[in-house]
C-alpha atoms as a PDB file:
ATOM      1  CA  UNK A   1     -50.406 140.998 -20.363  1.00  0.00           C
ATOM      2  CA  UNK A   2     -52.658 141.402 -23.321  1.00  0.00           C
ATOM      3  CA  UNK A   3     -49.499 140.410 -25.675  1.00  0.00           C
ATOM      4  CA  UNK A   4     -48.772 137.479 -23.434  1.00  0.00           C
ATOM      5  CA  UNK A   5     -52.404 136.235 -23.656  1.00  0.00           C
ATOM      6  CA  UNK A   6     -52.514 137.046 -27.363  1.00  0.00           C
ATOM      7  CA  UNK A   7     -49.520 135.113 -28.011  1.00  0.00           C
ATOM      8  CA  UNK A   8     -50.672 132.005 -25.395  1.00  0.00           C
ATOM      9  CA  UNK A   9     -54.285 131.713 -27.161  1.00  0.00           C
ATOM     10  CA  UNK A  10     -52.709 131.812 -30.627  1.00  0.00           C
ATOM     11  CA  UNK A  11     -50.382 129.003 -29.478  1.00  0.00           C
ATOM     12  CA  UNK A  12     -53.205 126.934 -28.162  1.00  0.00           C
ATOM     13  CA  UNK A  13     -55.281 127.591 -31.176  1.00  0.00           C
ATOM     14  CA  UNK A  14     -52.637 126.388 -33.582  1.00  0.00           C
ATOM     15  CA  UNK A  15     -52.334 123.127 -31.603  1.00  0.00           C
ATOM     16  CA  UNK A  16     -55.796 122.521 -31.980  1.00  0.00           C
ATOM     17  CA  UNK A  17     -56.427 123.457 -35.448  1.00  0.00           C
ATOM     18  CA  UNK A  18     -53.046 121.807 -36.418  1.00  0.00           C
ATOM     19  CA  UNK A  19     -52.696 118.835 -34.052  1.00  0.00           C
ATOM     20  CA  UNK A  20     -49.514 116.592 -34.633  1.00  0.00           C
ATOM     21  CA  UNK A  21     -49.275 114.967 -37.817  1.00  0.00           C
ATOM     22  CA  UNK A  22     -47.714 111.684 -38.400  1.00  0.00           C
ATOM     23  CA  UNK A  23     -45.297 112.797 -40.786  1.00  0.00           C
ATOM     24  CA  UNK A  24     -42.516 115.190 -40.163  1.00  0.00           C
ATOM     25  CA  UNK A  25     -42.929 117.112 -43.531  1.00  0.00           C
ATOM     26  CA  UNK A  26     -46.739 117.721 -42.573  1.00  0.00           C
ATOM     27  CA  UNK A  27     -45.431 119.501 -39.451  1.00  0.00           C
ATOM     28  CA  UNK A  28     -43.323 121.883 -41.261  1.00  0.00           C
ATOM     29  CA  UNK A  29     -44.615 124.934 -42.912  1.00  0.00           C
ATOM     30  CA  UNK A  30     -41.455 125.232 -45.283  1.00  0.00           C
ATOM     31  CA  UNK A  31     -41.028 121.763 -45.926  1.00  0.00           C
ATOM     32  CA  UNK A  32     -39.067 122.462 -49.122  1.00  0.00           C
ATOM     33  CA  UNK A  33     -36.005 123.897 -47.428  1.00  0.00           C
ATOM     34  CA  UNK A  34     -35.662 121.774 -44.478  1.00  0.00           C
ATOM     35  CA  UNK A  35     -34.178 118.524 -44.470  1.00  0.00           C
ATOM     36  CA  UNK A  36     -35.767 115.827 -42.517  1.00  0.00           C
ATOM     37  CA  UNK A  37     -32.773 115.684 -40.171  1.00  0.00           C
ATOM     38  CA  UNK A  38     -32.632 119.479 -39.352  1.00  0.00           C
ATOM     39  CA  UNK A  39     -36.565 119.078 -38.814  1.00  0.00           C
ATOM     40  CA  UNK A  40     -35.710 116.433 -36.355  1.00  0.00           C
ATOM     41  CA  UNK A  41     -33.383 118.469 -34.293  1.00  0.00           C
ATOM     42  CA  UNK A  42     -35.682 121.602 -34.293  1.00  0.00           C
ATOM     43  CA  UNK A  43     -38.392 119.417 -33.384  1.00  0.00           C
ATOM     44  CA  UNK A  44     -36.253 118.346 -30.418  1.00  0.00           C
ATOM     45  CA  UNK A  45     -35.431 121.624 -29.629  1.00  0.00           C
ATOM     46  CA  UNK A  46     -39.171 122.493 -29.364  1.00  0.00           C
ATOM     47  CA  UNK A  47     -39.401 120.593 -26.250  1.00  0.00           C
ATOM     48  CA  UNK A  48     -37.463 123.005 -24.445  1.00  0.00           C
ATOM     49  CA  UNK A  49     -39.781 126.125 -25.364  1.00  0.00           C
ATOM     50  CA  UNK A  50     -41.378 128.274 -22.610  1.00  0.00           C
ATOM     51  CA  UNK A  51     -43.919 131.008 -23.433  1.00  0.00           C
ATOM     52  CA  UNK A  52     -43.899 134.433 -22.523  1.00  0.00           C
ATOM     53  CA  UNK A  53     -45.255 136.946 -24.740  1.00  0.00           C
ATOM     54  CA  UNK A  54     -42.689 135.142 -27.231  1.00  0.00           C
ATOM     55  CA  UNK A  55     -41.569 131.873 -27.671  1.00  0.00           C
ATOM     56  CA  UNK A  56     -38.609 131.137 -25.468  1.00  0.00           C
ATOM     57  CA  UNK A  57     -36.208 127.869 -26.064  1.00  0.00           C
ATOM     58  CA  UNK A  58     -34.482 127.940 -22.752  1.00  0.00           C
ATOM     59  CA  UNK A  59     -31.126 126.394 -23.430  1.00  0.00           C
ATOM     60  CA  UNK A  60     -28.867 127.221 -20.404  1.00  0.00           C
ATOM     61  CA  UNK A  61     -25.963 124.642 -20.450  1.00  0.00           C
ATOM     62  CA  UNK A  62     -25.472 123.179 -23.956  1.00  0.00           C
ATOM     63  CA  UNK A  63     -23.256 120.354 -22.319  1.00  0.00           C
ATOM     64  CA  UNK A  64     -25.897 119.346 -19.739  1.00  0.00           C
ATOM     65  CA  UNK A  65     -27.155 116.163 -20.477  1.00  0.00           C
ATOM     66  CA  UNK A  66     -30.870 117.455 -20.035  1.00  0.00           C
ATOM     67  CA  UNK A  67     -30.120 118.749 -23.563  1.00  0.00           C
ATOM     68  CA  UNK A  68     -27.641 116.322 -24.857  1.00  0.00           C
ATOM     69  CA  UNK A  69     -29.960 113.050 -24.552  1.00  0.00           C
ATOM     70  CA  UNK A  70     -32.429 114.776 -26.714  1.00  0.00           C
ATOM     71  CA  UNK A  71     -29.690 115.608 -29.569  1.00  0.00           C
ATOM     72  CA  UNK A  72     -29.434 119.242 -28.593  1.00  0.00           C
ATOM     73  CA  UNK A  73     -26.060 119.811 -28.586  1.00  0.00           C
ATOM     74  CA  UNK A  74     -23.562 122.825 -29.738  1.00  0.00           C
ATOM     75  CA  UNK A  75     -23.147 121.366 -33.195  1.00  0.00           C
ATOM     76  CA  UNK A  76     -26.852 120.981 -33.629  1.00  0.00           C
ATOM     77  CA  UNK A  77     -27.614 124.417 -32.508  1.00  0.00           C
ATOM     78  CA  UNK A  78     -24.730 125.825 -34.659  1.00  0.00           C
ATOM     79  CA  UNK A  79     -26.725 123.718 -37.663  1.00  0.00           C
ATOM     80  CA  UNK A  80     -30.098 125.518 -36.602  1.00  0.00           C
ATOM     81  CA  UNK A  81     -28.355 128.699 -36.740  1.00  0.00           C
ATOM     82  CA  UNK A  82     -26.918 128.208 -40.003  1.00  0.00           C
ATOM     83  CA  UNK A  83     -30.219 127.400 -41.789  1.00  0.00           C
ATOM     84  CA  UNK A  84     -32.111 130.695 -39.990  1.00  0.00           C
ATOM     85  CA  UNK A  85     -34.091 129.038 -37.111  1.00  0.00           C
ATOM     86  CA  UNK A  86     -32.412 130.289 -34.159  1.00  0.00           C
ATOM     87  CA  UNK A  87     -29.837 132.856 -32.894  1.00  0.00           C
ATOM     88  CA  UNK A  88     -26.926 131.381 -30.680  1.00  0.00           C
ATOM     89  CA  UNK A  89     -25.154 133.515 -28.402  1.00  0.00           C
ATOM     90  CA  UNK A  90     -22.254 132.101 -26.453  1.00  0.00           C
ATOM     91  CA  UNK A  91     -22.833 134.840 -23.653  1.00  0.00           C
ATOM     92  CA  UNK A  92     -26.278 134.166 -23.702  1.00  0.00           C
ATOM     93  CA  UNK A  93     -29.313 136.402 -23.330  1.00  0.00           C
ATOM     94  CA  UNK A  94     -31.218 137.971 -20.572  1.00  0.00           C
ATOM     95  CA  UNK A  95     -34.769 139.651 -20.497  1.00  0.00           C
ATOM     96  CA  UNK A  96     -34.777 142.940 -18.377  1.00  0.00           C
ATOM     97  CA  UNK A  97     -37.509 145.171 -17.040  1.00  0.00           C
ATOM     98  CA  UNK A  98     -39.470 142.876 -14.762  1.00  0.00           C
ATOM     99  CA  UNK A  99     -41.508 143.831 -11.527  1.00  0.00           C
ATOM    100  CA  UNK A 100     -42.034 141.825  -8.605  1.00  0.00           C
ATOM    101  CA  UNK A 101     -43.499 138.818 -10.527  1.00  0.00           C
ATOM    102  CA  UNK A 102     -43.934 137.410 -13.775  1.00  0.00           C
ATOM    103  CA  UNK A 103     -45.571 134.371 -15.461  1.00  0.00           C
ATOM    104  CA  UNK A 104     -44.243 132.044 -17.971  1.00  0.00           C
ATOM    105  CA  UNK A 105     -46.018 128.853 -19.471  1.00  0.00           C
ATOM    106  CA  UNK A 106     -44.605 125.592 -20.052  1.00  0.00           C
ATOM    107  CA  UNK A 107     -46.437 122.418 -21.609  1.00  0.00           C
ATOM    108  CA  UNK A 108     -49.497 124.963 -21.408  1.00  0.00           C
ATOM    109  CA  UNK A 109     -49.361 125.394 -17.794  1.00  0.00           C
ATOM    110  CA  UNK A 110     -48.314 128.541 -15.935  1.00  0.00           C
ATOM    111  CA  UNK A 111     -45.554 129.158 -13.601  1.00  0.00           C
ATOM    112  CA  UNK A 112     -45.252 132.236 -11.616  1.00  0.00           C
ATOM    113  CA  UNK A 113     -41.885 133.971 -10.718  1.00  0.00           C
ATOM    114  CA  UNK A 114     -41.462 136.200  -7.933  1.00  0.00           C
ATOM    115  CA  UNK A 115     -38.136 138.238  -7.963  1.00  0.00           C
ATOM    116  CA  UNK A 116     -36.569 139.543  -4.541  1.00  0.00           C
ATOM    117  CA  UNK A 117     -36.775 143.292  -5.536  1.00  0.00           C
ATOM    118  CA  UNK A 118     -39.748 145.079  -6.501  1.00  0.00           C
ATOM    119  CA  UNK A 119     -38.357 146.254 -10.017  1.00  0.00           C
ATOM    120  CA  UNK A 120     -35.409 146.156 -12.432  1.00  0.00           C
ATOM    121  CA  UNK A 121     -35.323 142.352 -12.360  1.00  0.00           C
ATOM    122  CA  UNK A 122     -34.068 140.025 -15.131  1.00  0.00           C
ATOM    123  CA  UNK A 123     -34.526 136.431 -16.173  1.00  0.00           C
ATOM    124  CA  UNK A 124     -31.476 134.334 -18.003  1.00  0.00           C
ATOM    125  CA  UNK A 125     -32.936 133.285 -21.347  1.00  0.00           C
ATOM    126  CA  UNK A 126     -30.095 130.950 -22.123  1.00  0.00           C
ATOM    127  CA  UNK A 127     -27.916 130.988 -25.191  1.00  0.00           C
ATOM    128  CA  UNK A 128     -30.928 130.486 -27.707  1.00  0.00           C
ATOM    129  CA  UNK A 129     -33.410 132.715 -29.562  1.00  0.00           C
ATOM    130  CA  UNK A 130     -35.829 131.773 -32.199  1.00  0.00           C
ATOM    131  CA  UNK A 131     -35.730 133.581 -35.556  1.00  0.00           C
ATOM    132  CA  UNK A 132     -38.981 135.045 -37.015  1.00  0.00           C
ATOM    133  CA  UNK A 133     -38.928 131.711 -39.101  1.00  0.00           C
ATOM    134  CA  UNK A 134     -38.283 129.470 -36.146  1.00  0.00           C
ATOM    135  CA  UNK A 135     -40.938 131.028 -34.539  1.00  0.00           C
ATOM    136  CA  UNK A 136     -43.361 130.363 -36.944  1.00  0.00           C
ATOM    137  CA  UNK A 137     -42.062 126.738 -37.634  1.00  0.00           C
ATOM    138  CA  UNK A 138     -42.137 126.084 -33.747  1.00  0.00           C
ATOM    139  CA  UNK A 139     -46.109 126.882 -33.753  1.00  0.00           C
ATOM    140  CA  UNK A 140     -46.439 123.648 -36.139  1.00  0.00           C
ATOM    141  CA  UNK A 141     -45.197 121.406 -33.530  1.00  0.00           C
ATOM    142  CA  UNK A 142     -46.901 119.837 -30.769  1.00  0.00           C
ATOM    143  CA  UNK A 143     -43.873 118.942 -28.821  1.00  0.00           C
ATOM    144  CA  UNK A 144     -44.357 116.874 -25.587  1.00  0.00           C
ATOM    145  CA  UNK A 145     -43.550 118.328 -22.256  1.00  0.00           C
ATOM    146  CA  UNK A 146     -40.192 117.040 -20.606  1.00  0.00           C
ATOM    147  CA  UNK A 147     -40.743 116.654 -17.043  1.00  0.00           C
ATOM    148  CA  UNK A 148     -36.990 116.465 -16.474  1.00  0.00           C
ATOM    149  CA  UNK A 149     -36.358 119.394 -18.217  1.00  0.00           C
ATOM    150  CA  UNK A 150     -39.144 121.370 -16.290  1.00  0.00           C
ATOM    151  CA  UNK A 151     -37.571 120.033 -12.827  1.00  0.00           C
ATOM    152  CA  UNK A 152     -34.306 121.242 -14.244  1.00  0.00           C
ATOM    153  CA  UNK A 153     -35.399 124.854 -14.921  1.00  0.00           C
ATOM    154  CA  UNK A 154     -37.277 125.014 -12.046  1.00  0.00           C
ATOM    155  CA  UNK A 155     -34.536 123.731  -9.732  1.00  0.00           C
ATOM    156  CA  UNK A 156     -32.050 126.366 -11.459  1.00  0.00           C
ATOM    157  CA  UNK A 157     -34.573 129.250 -10.892  1.00  0.00           C
ATOM    158  CA  UNK A 158     -34.893 128.247  -7.081  1.00  0.00           C
ATOM    159  CA  UNK A 159     -31.133 128.205  -6.872  1.00  0.00           C
ATOM    160  CA  UNK A 160     -31.177 131.953  -8.066  1.00  0.00           C
ATOM    161  CA  UNK A 161     -33.492 133.059  -5.283  1.00  0.00           C
ATOM    162  CA  UNK A 162     -36.583 133.028  -7.417  1.00  0.00           C
ATOM    163  CA  UNK A 163     -39.824 132.359  -5.461  1.00  0.00           C
ATOM    164  CA  UNK A 164     -42.034 130.058  -7.674  1.00  0.00           C
ATOM    165  CA  UNK A 165     -45.319 128.784  -7.933  1.00  0.00           C
ATOM    166  CA  UNK A 166     -46.819 126.320 -10.505  1.00  0.00           C
ATOM    167  CA  UNK A 167     -49.766 123.825 -10.810  1.00  0.00           C
ATOM    168  CA  UNK A 168     -47.290 121.646 -12.679  1.00  0.00           C
ATOM    169  CA  UNK A 169     -45.486 120.519  -9.027  1.00  0.00           C
ATOM    170  CA  UNK A 170     -46.920 117.378  -7.495  1.00  0.00           C
ATOM    171  CA  UNK A 171     -47.851 118.099  -3.736  1.00  0.00           C
ATOM    172  CA  UNK A 172     -47.848 114.151  -3.071  1.00  0.00           C
ATOM    173  CA  UNK A 173     -44.496 113.622  -4.201  1.00  0.00           C
ATOM    174  CA  UNK A 174     -42.069 112.311  -1.664  1.00  0.00           C
ATOM    175  CA  UNK A 175     -39.825 114.937   0.180  1.00  0.00           C
ATOM    176  CA  UNK A 176     -36.579 114.032  -1.767  1.00  0.00           C
ATOM    177  CA  UNK A 177     -38.172 115.254  -4.861  1.00  0.00           C
ATOM    178  CA  UNK A 178     -39.222 118.926  -6.327  1.00  0.00           C
ATOM    179  CA  UNK A 179     -41.163 119.894  -3.111  1.00  0.00           C
ATOM    180  CA  UNK A 180     -37.958 121.174  -1.863  1.00  0.00           C
ATOM    181  CA  UNK A 181     -37.486 123.520  -4.815  1.00  0.00           C
ATOM    182  CA  UNK A 182     -40.569 125.303  -4.920  1.00  0.00           C
ATOM    183  CA  UNK A 183     -42.835 127.684  -2.858  1.00  0.00           C
ATOM    184  CA  UNK A 184     -46.290 126.416  -3.796  1.00  0.00           C
ATOM    185  CA  UNK A 185     -49.173 129.119  -3.779  1.00  0.00           C
ATOM    186  CA  UNK A 186     -52.721 128.970  -4.931  1.00  0.00           C
END
């Protein structure tokens, strides 16, 4: 838990100390070797990052419009891999060894995940991981939260049988919205 907290605090502090700048090049820690186009693609990728002790871009289906409408496609991901910001794996990545519960943060807010078993659980991380260089660069962006993406991830996890608790779910939404996908606990 200490590592998660340390990463979260560093992330929050970096956003306070380095608020979003008006120029793309000001946002980049290594502007000399990243073109403006590559920077825009990477910045678009950053809106899909969740945090759990590490920065995790959750790219589950590169063909899904939740990503393609933001410019994240197989070809743009391959480009980010070519320039050393991400690792792309067709078969995807998973993180193993979870107990009964874990917590991830999106847009600075926690989502608690409850698994069916008490131990030996895993979480699908999608097709993309950030390299060390990508992680450093991502800390320099203040990517706005993407509500549709958040709902997409929550729905996906719910369909996998996970029990979810989040302060991001609006209890006053109508019955046809997210209320059916989440178990809300305080």
